[in-house]
Amino acid sequence: MRKLILIIIIGALLTVASSNAEGALWDGGYHEFSEGFEGEIEMINGATADVTGGEIGILLSYDNCGLNIYDDSTIGLVKPFDTSSVYVYGGEFNVIFTLGLSNTNIYGGLINEIKATDLSTLNLYVKSYEYDPTGGDFYVGLLTGTWLNNNNNFSIDLVTAQSIDHITFVPEPCTFYFVTIGGLFLYRSKRNIKR
């Protein structure tokens, strides 16, 4: 009898797992994901979404979808296609893989790997960074540095050597320092005028 009950329980769990494996389809409109687990989510037809928590195995974004990802999120793979726009403000990621004409803006987070292809762009908002073209697990590139918005450190493996060609560092460290120095000069000149 125990074996039969165990078989029924395992069968029920496998049925639930297989139904969750199909994932969710976000077809247009606004969506929010804040808790729980979803194996796969596919966004199409201009859908927009805020991911504020929970865990997602694979998140695919097609067409001209818009996606915002925040601190309490854990995602295995984020894969924007076509003309999707992704904004990453935090969270944990195994891989961010960009394709097509997608535009991804990363302000923070724990990211293990980045792969960029086609005409996709990635803007990394950093305070400082270093690029080692032979570093990382794949020996084709390692990015280390500090995020601009929260001063957290990052270390990101590039999956392909060409991925670096798709990355723009904003602001570039020289630009950041020039803006800071210019601000100090303006402040001092205003102070001198008031005297």
N, C-alpha and C. Protein backbone atom coordinates (compact mmCIF):
# COMPACT_ATOMS: atom_id res chain seq x y z
N MET A 1 0.82 -1.20 0.00
CA MET A 1 0.00 0.00 0.00
C MET A 1 0.86 1.26 0.00
N ARG A 2 1.97 1.23 0.80
CA ARG A 2 2.85 2.39 0.85
C ARG A 2 3.45 2.68 -0.52
N LYS A 3 3.83 1.60 -1.24
CA LYS A 3 4.42 1.79 -2.57
C LYS A 3 3.41 2.42 -3.51
N LEU A 4 2.16 2.01 -3.43
CA LEU A 4 1.12 2.58 -4.29
C LEU A 4 0.91 4.06 -3.99
N ILE A 5 0.88 4.42 -2.71
CA ILE A 5 0.72 5.83 -2.33
C ILE A 5 1.92 6.63 -2.82
N LEU A 6 3.12 6.07 -2.66
CA LEU A 6 4.33 6.76 -3.12
C LEU A 6 4.30 6.96 -4.63
N ILE A 7 3.86 5.96 -5.38
CA ILE A 7 3.75 6.07 -6.85
C ILE A 7 2.73 7.14 -7.23
N ILE A 8 1.62 7.20 -6.53
CA ILE A 8 0.59 8.21 -6.82
C ILE A 8 1.13 9.60 -6.54
N ILE A 9 1.85 9.77 -5.41
CA ILE A 9 2.41 11.08 -5.07
C ILE A 9 3.44 11.50 -6.10
N ILE A 10 4.34 10.59 -6.49
CA ILE A 10 5.35 10.91 -7.51
C ILE A 10 4.69 11.24 -8.83
N GLY A 11 3.67 10.49 -9.21
CA GLY A 11 2.94 10.77 -10.45
C GLY A 11 2.29 12.15 -10.42
N ALA A 12 1.70 12.51 -9.28
CA ALA A 12 1.08 13.84 -9.16
C ALA A 12 2.12 14.94 -9.25
N LEU A 13 3.27 14.74 -8.60
CA LEU A 13 4.34 15.74 -8.68
C LEU A 13 4.87 15.88 -10.09
N LEU A 14 5.03 14.78 -10.81
CA LEU A 14 5.50 14.85 -12.19
C LEU A 14 4.48 15.54 -13.09
N THR A 15 3.20 15.33 -12.83
CA THR A 15 2.16 16.00 -13.61
C THR A 15 2.21 17.50 -13.39
N VAL A 16 2.36 17.92 -12.13
CA VAL A 16 2.46 19.35 -11.81
C VAL A 16 3.71 19.93 -12.45
N ALA A 17 4.84 19.22 -12.35
CA ALA A 17 6.09 19.71 -12.93
C ALA A 17 5.99 19.84 -14.43
N SER A 18 5.35 18.89 -15.10
CA SER A 18 5.24 18.97 -16.56
C SER A 18 4.30 20.09 -16.98
N SER A 19 3.26 20.37 -16.19
CA SER A 19 2.37 21.47 -16.54
C SER A 19 3.07 22.81 -16.36
N ASN A 20 3.95 22.92 -15.35
CA ASN A 20 4.71 24.15 -15.15
C ASN A 20 5.81 24.30 -16.19
N ALA A 21 6.27 23.19 -16.79
CA ALA A 21 7.36 23.25 -17.77
C ALA A 21 6.92 23.97 -19.03
N GLU A 22 5.62 23.98 -19.32
CA GLU A 22 5.13 24.68 -20.51
C GLU A 22 5.35 26.18 -20.39
N GLY A 23 5.34 26.70 -19.19
CA GLY A 23 5.62 28.10 -18.96
C GLY A 23 4.41 28.99 -19.22
N ALA A 24 4.69 30.28 -19.18
CA ALA A 24 3.65 31.28 -19.33
C ALA A 24 3.90 32.08 -20.61
N LEU A 25 2.83 32.55 -21.22
CA LEU A 25 2.91 33.41 -22.39
C LEU A 25 2.29 34.75 -22.02
N TRP A 26 3.12 35.81 -22.12
CA TRP A 26 2.63 37.16 -21.89
C TRP A 26 2.47 37.81 -23.25
N ASP A 27 1.25 37.86 -23.72
CA ASP A 27 0.92 38.35 -25.06
C ASP A 27 0.34 39.76 -24.95
N GLY A 28 1.19 40.78 -25.16
CA GLY A 28 0.74 42.17 -25.06
C GLY A 28 0.37 42.54 -23.64
N GLY A 29 0.08 43.82 -23.43
CA GLY A 29 -0.36 44.31 -22.12
C GLY A 29 0.75 44.34 -21.09
N TYR A 30 0.35 44.65 -19.84
CA TYR A 30 1.29 44.76 -18.73
C TYR A 30 1.21 43.52 -17.85
N HIS A 31 2.37 43.07 -17.37
CA HIS A 31 2.45 41.88 -16.52
C HIS A 31 3.42 42.16 -15.38
N GLU A 32 3.21 41.45 -14.27
CA GLU A 32 4.11 41.58 -13.13
C GLU A 32 4.37 40.20 -12.56
N PHE A 33 5.62 39.96 -12.22
CA PHE A 33 6.01 38.70 -11.58
C PHE A 33 6.75 39.07 -10.31
N SER A 34 6.24 38.62 -9.14
CA SER A 34 6.83 39.07 -7.88
C SER A 34 7.17 37.95 -6.92
N GLU A 35 6.68 36.74 -7.16
CA GLU A 35 6.97 35.66 -6.23
C GLU A 35 6.74 34.32 -6.90
N GLY A 36 7.24 33.26 -6.25
CA GLY A 36 7.07 31.92 -6.76
C GLY A 36 8.13 31.56 -7.79
N PHE A 37 7.83 30.50 -8.54
CA PHE A 37 8.74 29.99 -9.57
C PHE A 37 7.98 29.76 -10.86
N GLU A 38 8.59 30.12 -11.97
CA GLU A 38 8.05 29.80 -13.30
C GLU A 38 9.22 29.29 -14.13
N GLY A 39 9.05 28.14 -14.77
CA GLY A 39 10.13 27.53 -15.56
C GLY A 39 10.50 28.36 -16.77
N GLU A 40 9.48 28.89 -17.48
CA GLU A 40 9.75 29.69 -18.68
C GLU A 40 8.63 30.70 -18.89
N ILE A 41 9.03 31.91 -19.24
CA ILE A 41 8.07 32.96 -19.59
C ILE A 41 8.48 33.50 -20.95
N GLU A 42 7.49 33.62 -21.84
CA GLU A 42 7.73 34.16 -23.18
C GLU A 42 6.89 35.42 -23.35
N MET A 43 7.54 36.53 -23.72
CA MET A 43 6.85 37.81 -23.92
C MET A 43 6.77 38.08 -25.42
N ILE A 44 5.56 38.46 -25.91
CA ILE A 44 5.38 38.77 -27.32
C ILE A 44 4.44 39.96 -27.50
N ASN A 45 4.40 40.48 -28.72
CA ASN A 45 3.44 41.52 -29.12
C ASN A 45 3.45 42.75 -28.23
N GLY A 46 4.64 43.26 -27.93
CA GLY A 46 4.73 44.51 -27.18
C GLY A 46 4.39 44.42 -25.72
N ALA A 47 4.42 43.24 -25.15
CA ALA A 47 4.14 43.10 -23.71
C ALA A 47 5.18 43.88 -22.91
N THR A 48 4.75 44.41 -21.77
CA THR A 48 5.67 45.06 -20.83
C THR A 48 5.53 44.35 -19.50
N ALA A 49 6.64 44.32 -18.74
CA ALA A 49 6.59 43.58 -17.48
C ALA A 49 7.58 44.14 -16.48
N ASP A 50 7.20 44.03 -15.20
CA ASP A 50 8.09 44.29 -14.08
C ASP A 50 8.29 42.97 -13.36
N VAL A 51 9.55 42.57 -13.22
CA VAL A 51 9.89 41.38 -12.44
C VAL A 51 10.52 41.89 -11.15
N THR A 52 9.78 41.77 -10.05
CA THR A 52 10.20 42.37 -8.79
C THR A 52 10.62 41.33 -7.76
N GLY A 53 10.51 40.06 -8.08
CA GLY A 53 10.89 39.00 -7.15
C GLY A 53 10.62 37.65 -7.77
N GLY A 54 10.79 36.61 -6.98
CA GLY A 54 10.56 35.26 -7.44
C GLY A 54 11.72 34.73 -8.28
N GLU A 55 11.48 33.54 -8.85
CA GLU A 55 12.52 32.87 -9.63
C GLU A 55 11.94 32.42 -10.96
N ILE A 56 12.69 32.71 -12.03
CA ILE A 56 12.28 32.32 -13.39
C ILE A 56 13.43 31.55 -14.01
N GLY A 57 13.14 30.41 -14.62
CA GLY A 57 14.18 29.63 -15.29
C GLY A 57 14.68 30.32 -16.54
N ILE A 58 13.76 30.58 -17.48
CA ILE A 58 14.09 31.20 -18.77
C ILE A 58 13.07 32.31 -19.04
N LEU A 59 13.56 33.50 -19.40
CA LEU A 59 12.70 34.63 -19.72
C LEU A 59 13.05 35.10 -21.13
N LEU A 60 12.14 34.89 -22.08
CA LEU A 60 12.34 35.25 -23.48
C LEU A 60 11.49 36.47 -23.81
N SER A 61 12.10 37.45 -24.48
CA SER A 61 11.39 38.68 -24.82
C SER A 61 11.52 38.94 -26.32
N TYR A 62 10.39 38.90 -27.03
CA TYR A 62 10.38 39.08 -28.48
C TYR A 62 9.78 40.43 -28.86
N ASP A 63 9.71 40.65 -30.18
CA ASP A 63 9.04 41.82 -30.75
C ASP A 63 9.60 43.11 -30.12
N ASN A 64 8.74 44.01 -29.74
CA ASN A 64 9.18 45.27 -29.13
C ASN A 64 8.74 45.32 -27.66
N CYS A 65 8.99 44.24 -26.95
CA CYS A 65 8.59 44.13 -25.55
C CYS A 65 9.51 44.95 -24.65
N GLY A 66 8.99 45.34 -23.50
CA GLY A 66 9.77 46.09 -22.51
C GLY A 66 9.77 45.35 -21.18
N LEU A 67 10.95 45.23 -20.58
CA LEU A 67 11.11 44.43 -19.38
C LEU A 67 11.97 45.17 -18.37
N ASN A 68 11.48 45.26 -17.12
CA ASN A 68 12.23 45.83 -16.00
C ASN A 68 12.45 44.74 -14.97
N ILE A 69 13.71 44.57 -14.53
CA ILE A 69 14.05 43.52 -13.57
C ILE A 69 14.69 44.17 -12.34
N TYR A 70 14.19 43.80 -11.15
CA TYR A 70 14.62 44.44 -9.91
C TYR A 70 15.33 43.46 -8.96
N ASP A 71 15.78 44.00 -7.82
CA ASP A 71 16.69 43.33 -6.89
C ASP A 71 16.32 41.93 -6.44
N ASP A 72 15.10 41.67 -6.10
CA ASP A 72 14.75 40.40 -5.47
C ASP A 72 14.45 39.28 -6.47
N SER A 73 14.88 39.43 -7.72
CA SER A 73 14.60 38.47 -8.77
C SER A 73 15.79 37.54 -8.98
N THR A 74 15.49 36.30 -9.34
CA THR A 74 16.51 35.33 -9.72
C THR A 74 16.07 34.72 -11.05
N ILE A 75 16.93 34.86 -12.08
CA ILE A 75 16.57 34.39 -13.41
C ILE A 75 17.75 33.60 -13.98
N GLY A 76 17.47 32.40 -14.47
CA GLY A 76 18.52 31.58 -15.06
C GLY A 76 19.04 32.16 -16.37
N LEU A 77 18.13 32.46 -17.29
CA LEU A 77 18.49 32.98 -18.61
C LEU A 77 17.52 34.07 -19.02
N VAL A 78 18.04 35.26 -19.31
CA VAL A 78 17.26 36.34 -19.91
C VAL A 78 17.72 36.45 -21.35
N LYS A 79 16.76 36.37 -22.30
CA LYS A 79 17.12 36.34 -23.71
C LYS A 79 16.21 37.28 -24.50
N PRO A 80 16.62 38.56 -24.65
CA PRO A 80 15.83 39.48 -25.47
C PRO A 80 16.16 39.34 -26.96
N PHE A 81 15.12 39.33 -27.78
CA PHE A 81 15.24 39.23 -29.24
C PHE A 81 14.71 40.51 -29.87
N ASP A 82 14.77 40.54 -31.19
CA ASP A 82 14.13 41.57 -32.01
C ASP A 82 14.49 42.97 -31.48
N THR A 83 13.49 43.80 -31.21
CA THR A 83 13.74 45.17 -30.72
C THR A 83 13.33 45.33 -29.26
N SER A 84 13.44 44.27 -28.49
CA SER A 84 13.09 44.33 -27.07
C SER A 84 14.02 45.27 -26.31
N SER A 85 13.48 45.87 -25.25
CA SER A 85 14.27 46.71 -24.34
C SER A 85 14.21 46.10 -22.95
N VAL A 86 15.38 45.90 -22.35
CA VAL A 86 15.47 45.32 -21.02
C VAL A 86 16.23 46.27 -20.12
N TYR A 87 15.71 46.50 -18.92
CA TYR A 87 16.37 47.32 -17.91
C TYR A 87 16.58 46.45 -16.68
N VAL A 88 17.85 46.25 -16.31
CA VAL A 88 18.21 45.43 -15.16
C VAL A 88 18.71 46.35 -14.06
N TYR A 89 17.95 46.42 -12.95
CA TYR A 89 18.31 47.27 -11.82
C TYR A 89 18.93 46.47 -10.68
N GLY A 90 18.84 45.17 -10.78
CA GLY A 90 19.38 44.28 -9.75
C GLY A 90 18.92 42.87 -10.02
N GLY A 91 19.13 41.99 -9.06
CA GLY A 91 18.75 40.60 -9.21
C GLY A 91 19.95 39.72 -9.47
N GLU A 92 19.67 38.42 -9.60
CA GLU A 92 20.72 37.43 -9.87
C GLU A 92 20.42 36.73 -11.18
N PHE A 93 21.45 36.57 -12.01
CA PHE A 93 21.30 35.99 -13.34
C PHE A 93 22.42 35.01 -13.61
N ASN A 94 22.08 33.91 -14.25
CA ASN A 94 23.13 33.02 -14.72
C ASN A 94 23.66 33.55 -16.05
N VAL A 95 22.76 33.80 -17.02
CA VAL A 95 23.18 34.26 -18.35
C VAL A 95 22.23 35.35 -18.85
N ILE A 96 22.80 36.41 -19.41
CA ILE A 96 22.04 37.38 -20.20
C ILE A 96 22.55 37.23 -21.62
N PHE A 97 21.66 36.83 -22.54
CA PHE A 97 22.02 36.50 -23.92
C PHE A 97 21.18 37.39 -24.84
N THR A 98 21.81 38.38 -25.49
CA THR A 98 21.07 39.35 -26.30
C THR A 98 21.22 39.02 -27.79
N LEU A 99 20.12 39.22 -28.53
CA LEU A 99 20.10 38.94 -29.97
C LEU A 99 19.34 40.04 -30.70
N GLY A 100 19.37 39.96 -32.03
CA GLY A 100 18.62 40.88 -32.87
C GLY A 100 19.04 42.32 -32.67
N LEU A 101 18.06 43.22 -32.57
CA LEU A 101 18.31 44.64 -32.33
C LEU A 101 17.97 45.03 -30.90
N SER A 102 17.96 44.06 -30.00
CA SER A 102 17.57 44.33 -28.62
C SER A 102 18.55 45.28 -27.95
N ASN A 103 18.01 46.00 -26.95
CA ASN A 103 18.80 46.97 -26.19
C ASN A 103 18.64 46.64 -24.71
N THR A 104 19.76 46.34 -24.06
CA THR A 104 19.74 45.96 -22.65
C THR A 104 20.56 46.96 -21.85
N ASN A 105 19.96 47.49 -20.79
CA ASN A 105 20.61 48.46 -19.91
C ASN A 105 20.77 47.83 -18.54
N ILE A 106 22.01 47.73 -18.06
CA ILE A 106 22.28 47.06 -16.80
C ILE A 106 22.85 48.06 -15.80
N TYR A 107 22.11 48.25 -14.69
CA TYR A 107 22.50 49.19 -13.64
C TYR A 107 23.06 48.48 -12.41
N GLY A 108 22.89 47.18 -12.32
CA GLY A 108 23.37 46.43 -11.18
C GLY A 108 22.95 44.99 -11.27
N GLY A 109 23.31 44.23 -10.26
CA GLY A 109 22.94 42.83 -10.21
C GLY A 109 24.14 41.91 -10.19
N LEU A 110 23.87 40.65 -9.89
CA LEU A 110 24.89 39.60 -9.92
C LEU A 110 24.69 38.81 -11.20
N ILE A 111 25.60 38.97 -12.14
CA ILE A 111 25.47 38.35 -13.47
C ILE A 111 26.68 37.45 -13.68
N ASN A 112 26.43 36.17 -13.93
CA ASN A 112 27.54 35.24 -14.17
C ASN A 112 28.12 35.39 -15.57
N GLU A 113 27.24 35.42 -16.60
CA GLU A 113 27.72 35.41 -17.98
C GLU A 113 26.89 36.34 -18.86
N ILE A 114 27.58 36.91 -19.86
CA ILE A 114 26.92 37.70 -20.90
C ILE A 114 27.34 37.16 -22.25
N LYS A 115 26.35 37.01 -23.14
CA LYS A 115 26.62 36.68 -24.54
C LYS A 115 25.80 37.64 -25.38
N ALA A 116 26.47 38.33 -26.31
CA ALA A 116 25.78 39.30 -27.16
C ALA A 116 26.09 38.99 -28.62
N THR A 117 25.05 38.99 -29.46
CA THR A 117 25.21 38.68 -30.88
C THR A 117 24.39 39.65 -31.72
N ASP A 118 24.44 39.44 -33.02
CA ASP A 118 23.68 40.22 -33.99
C ASP A 118 24.01 41.71 -33.84
N LEU A 119 22.99 42.57 -33.80
CA LEU A 119 23.18 44.01 -33.64
C LEU A 119 22.70 44.48 -32.28
N SER A 120 22.65 43.56 -31.33
CA SER A 120 22.18 43.92 -29.99
C SER A 120 23.19 44.81 -29.28
N THR A 121 22.67 45.62 -28.34
CA THR A 121 23.53 46.51 -27.56
C THR A 121 23.29 46.29 -26.07
N LEU A 122 24.37 46.42 -25.32
CA LEU A 122 24.30 46.36 -23.86
C LEU A 122 24.97 47.60 -23.31
N ASN A 123 24.26 48.34 -22.49
CA ASN A 123 24.82 49.51 -21.81
C ASN A 123 25.00 49.14 -20.35
N LEU A 124 26.24 49.15 -19.88
CA LEU A 124 26.54 48.86 -18.49
C LEU A 124 26.86 50.17 -17.78
N TYR A 125 26.08 50.51 -16.76
CA TYR A 125 26.23 51.76 -16.02
C TYR A 125 27.18 51.49 -14.85
N VAL A 126 28.45 51.87 -15.04
CA VAL A 126 29.50 51.51 -14.10
C VAL A 126 30.23 52.73 -13.58
N LYS A 127 30.77 52.59 -12.40
CA LYS A 127 31.64 53.61 -11.83
C LYS A 127 33.06 53.37 -12.32
N SER A 128 33.45 52.09 -12.40
CA SER A 128 34.76 51.71 -12.92
C SER A 128 34.67 50.29 -13.46
N TYR A 129 35.59 49.95 -14.35
CA TYR A 129 35.62 48.58 -14.88
C TYR A 129 37.01 48.25 -15.40
N GLU A 130 37.26 46.95 -15.49
CA GLU A 130 38.46 46.43 -16.13
C GLU A 130 38.02 45.29 -17.04
N TYR A 131 38.69 45.19 -18.18
CA TYR A 131 38.39 44.15 -19.15
C TYR A 131 39.65 43.32 -19.38
N ASP A 132 39.56 42.03 -19.12
CA ASP A 132 40.66 41.10 -19.37
C ASP A 132 40.24 40.23 -20.56
N PRO A 133 40.82 40.45 -21.75
CA PRO A 133 40.38 39.74 -22.96
C PRO A 133 40.67 38.24 -22.95
N THR A 134 41.49 37.76 -22.04
CA THR A 134 41.76 36.32 -21.98
C THR A 134 41.29 35.71 -20.67
N GLY A 135 40.56 36.46 -19.87
CA GLY A 135 40.11 35.98 -18.57
C GLY A 135 38.77 35.29 -18.62
N GLY A 136 38.31 34.86 -17.48
CA GLY A 136 37.01 34.23 -17.35
C GLY A 136 37.05 32.73 -17.59
N ASP A 137 35.93 32.09 -17.34
CA ASP A 137 35.83 30.63 -17.50
C ASP A 137 36.00 30.18 -18.94
N PHE A 138 35.67 31.06 -19.90
CA PHE A 138 35.76 30.69 -21.32
C PHE A 138 37.06 31.21 -21.96
N TYR A 139 37.85 31.94 -21.18
CA TYR A 139 39.13 32.50 -21.63
C TYR A 139 38.98 33.45 -22.82
N VAL A 140 37.82 34.08 -22.95
CA VAL A 140 37.58 35.03 -24.05
C VAL A 140 37.17 36.40 -23.53
N GLY A 141 37.14 36.58 -22.21
CA GLY A 141 36.82 37.89 -21.67
C GLY A 141 36.22 37.84 -20.28
N LEU A 142 36.71 38.73 -19.43
CA LEU A 142 36.19 38.87 -18.08
C LEU A 142 36.07 40.36 -17.78
N LEU A 143 34.89 40.76 -17.33
CA LEU A 143 34.64 42.14 -16.91
C LEU A 143 34.55 42.17 -15.40
N THR A 144 35.29 43.07 -14.78
CA THR A 144 35.18 43.29 -13.35
C THR A 144 35.06 44.79 -13.11
N GLY A 145 34.46 45.16 -12.02
CA GLY A 145 34.32 46.58 -11.73
C GLY A 145 33.30 46.85 -10.66
N THR A 146 32.79 48.09 -10.67
CA THR A 146 31.84 48.56 -9.67
C THR A 146 30.66 49.23 -10.37
N TRP A 147 29.44 48.85 -9.96
CA TRP A 147 28.24 49.48 -10.51
C TRP A 147 28.15 50.92 -10.04
N LEU A 148 27.64 51.79 -10.91
CA LEU A 148 27.55 53.22 -10.62
C LEU A 148 26.52 53.52 -9.54
N ASN A 149 25.36 52.87 -9.59
CA ASN A 149 24.26 53.27 -8.71
C ASN A 149 24.38 52.79 -7.27
N ASN A 150 25.11 51.68 -7.02
CA ASN A 150 25.14 51.18 -5.65
C ASN A 150 26.54 50.82 -5.15
N ASN A 151 27.56 51.04 -5.96
CA ASN A 151 28.95 50.75 -5.61
C ASN A 151 29.21 49.27 -5.34
N ASN A 152 28.32 48.37 -5.74
CA ASN A 152 28.58 46.93 -5.62
C ASN A 152 29.55 46.50 -6.70
N ASN A 153 30.39 45.53 -6.36
CA ASN A 153 31.34 45.00 -7.32
C ASN A 153 30.67 43.96 -8.22
N PHE A 154 31.22 43.80 -9.43
CA PHE A 154 30.73 42.76 -10.33
C PHE A 154 31.90 42.04 -10.99
N SER A 155 31.63 40.81 -11.41
CA SER A 155 32.57 40.00 -12.17
C SER A 155 31.74 39.18 -13.14
N ILE A 156 31.89 39.46 -14.45
CA ILE A 156 31.04 38.86 -15.48
C ILE A 156 31.90 38.20 -16.53
N ASP A 157 31.65 36.91 -16.78
CA ASP A 157 32.32 36.19 -17.86
C ASP A 157 31.64 36.50 -19.18
N LEU A 158 32.44 36.73 -20.22
CA LEU A 158 31.89 36.84 -21.57
C LEU A 158 31.95 35.46 -22.21
N VAL A 159 30.84 35.05 -22.82
CA VAL A 159 30.76 33.71 -23.41
C VAL A 159 31.50 33.66 -24.74
N THR A 160 31.48 34.77 -25.48
CA THR A 160 32.22 34.85 -26.75
C THR A 160 33.07 36.12 -26.74
N ALA A 161 34.17 36.07 -27.48
CA ALA A 161 35.06 37.25 -27.56
C ALA A 161 34.35 38.43 -28.20
N GLN A 162 33.41 38.18 -29.11
CA GLN A 162 32.69 39.25 -29.81
C GLN A 162 31.70 39.98 -28.91
N SER A 163 31.37 39.43 -27.77
CA SER A 163 30.39 40.06 -26.88
C SER A 163 30.84 41.46 -26.45
N ILE A 164 32.15 41.66 -26.27
CA ILE A 164 32.65 42.97 -25.83
C ILE A 164 32.33 44.06 -26.84
N ASP A 165 32.22 43.71 -28.13
CA ASP A 165 31.92 44.69 -29.17
C ASP A 165 30.51 45.26 -29.05
N HIS A 166 29.65 44.61 -28.30
CA HIS A 166 28.26 45.03 -28.14
C HIS A 166 28.03 45.83 -26.86
N ILE A 167 29.09 45.96 -26.05
CA ILE A 167 28.96 46.59 -24.72
C ILE A 167 29.48 48.02 -24.75
N THR A 168 28.67 48.92 -24.18
CA THR A 168 29.07 50.30 -23.97
C THR A 168 29.06 50.55 -22.46
N PHE A 169 30.12 51.17 -21.97
CA PHE A 169 30.21 51.48 -20.54
C PHE A 169 29.76 52.93 -20.36
N VAL A 170 28.73 53.13 -19.52
CA VAL A 170 28.14 54.44 -19.34
C VAL A 170 28.17 54.79 -17.86
N PRO A 171 28.61 55.94 -17.40
CA PRO A 171 29.45 56.79 -18.23
C PRO A 171 30.83 56.17 -18.32
N GLU A 172 31.52 56.43 -19.40
CA GLU A 172 32.89 55.95 -19.49
C GLU A 172 33.66 56.64 -18.38
N PRO A 173 34.61 55.96 -17.74
CA PRO A 173 35.31 56.55 -16.59
C PRO A 173 35.88 57.94 -16.87
N CYS A 174 36.45 58.18 -18.05
CA CYS A 174 37.00 59.52 -18.36
C CYS A 174 35.88 60.56 -18.36
N THR A 175 34.76 60.23 -18.96
CA THR A 175 33.63 61.16 -19.00
C THR A 175 33.15 61.46 -17.59
N PHE A 176 33.06 60.43 -16.75
CA PHE A 176 32.61 60.59 -15.38
C PHE A 176 33.53 61.56 -14.63
N TYR A 177 34.83 61.39 -14.79
CA TYR A 177 35.77 62.26 -14.08
C TYR A 177 35.72 63.69 -14.62
N PHE A 178 35.61 63.86 -15.94
CA PHE A 178 35.51 65.20 -16.51
C PHE A 178 34.26 65.92 -16.02
N VAL A 179 33.15 65.21 -15.96
CA VAL A 179 31.90 65.81 -15.48
C VAL A 179 32.06 66.21 -14.01
N THR A 180 32.67 65.34 -13.21
CA THR A 180 32.88 65.65 -11.79
C THR A 180 33.77 66.87 -11.62
N ILE A 181 34.89 66.90 -12.35
CA ILE A 181 35.82 68.04 -12.25
C ILE A 181 35.14 69.32 -12.74
N GLY A 182 34.40 69.22 -13.84
CA GLY A 182 33.67 70.39 -14.35
C GLY A 182 32.67 70.91 -13.34
N GLY A 183 31.99 70.02 -12.65
CA GLY A 183 31.04 70.42 -11.61
C GLY A 183 31.73 71.15 -10.47
N LEU A 184 32.91 70.67 -10.10
CA LEU A 184 33.66 71.35 -9.03
C LEU A 184 34.08 72.75 -9.45
N PHE A 185 34.54 72.91 -10.70
CA PHE A 185 34.91 74.24 -11.19
C PHE A 185 33.72 75.18 -11.22
N LEU A 186 32.56 74.68 -11.66
CA LEU A 186 31.36 75.52 -11.68
C LEU A 186 30.97 75.93 -10.26
N TYR A 187 31.06 75.01 -9.35
CA TYR A 187 30.73 75.31 -7.95
C TYR A 187 31.64 76.40 -7.40
N ARG A 188 32.95 76.25 -7.67
CA ARG A 188 33.91 77.23 -7.16
C ARG A 188 33.69 78.59 -7.82
N SER A 189 33.39 78.60 -9.13
CA SER A 189 33.21 79.90 -9.79
C SER A 189 31.94 80.58 -9.27
N LYS A 190 30.88 79.85 -8.98
CA LYS A 190 29.67 80.44 -8.41
C LYS A 190 29.97 81.02 -7.03
N ARG A 191 30.77 80.29 -6.26
CA ARG A 191 31.12 80.74 -4.92
C ARG A 191 31.94 82.02 -4.99
N ASN A 192 32.86 82.10 -5.95
CA ASN A 192 33.69 83.29 -6.11
C ASN A 192 32.87 84.49 -6.56
N ILE A 193 31.86 84.28 -7.38
CA ILE A 193 31.01 85.38 -7.87
C ILE A 193 30.21 85.97 -6.70
N LYS A 194 29.73 85.14 -5.80
CA LYS A 194 28.92 85.61 -4.67
C LYS A 194 29.74 86.45 -3.69
N ARG A 195 31.04 86.30 -3.65
CA ARG A 195 31.88 87.05 -2.71
C ARG A 195 31.99 88.42 -3.21
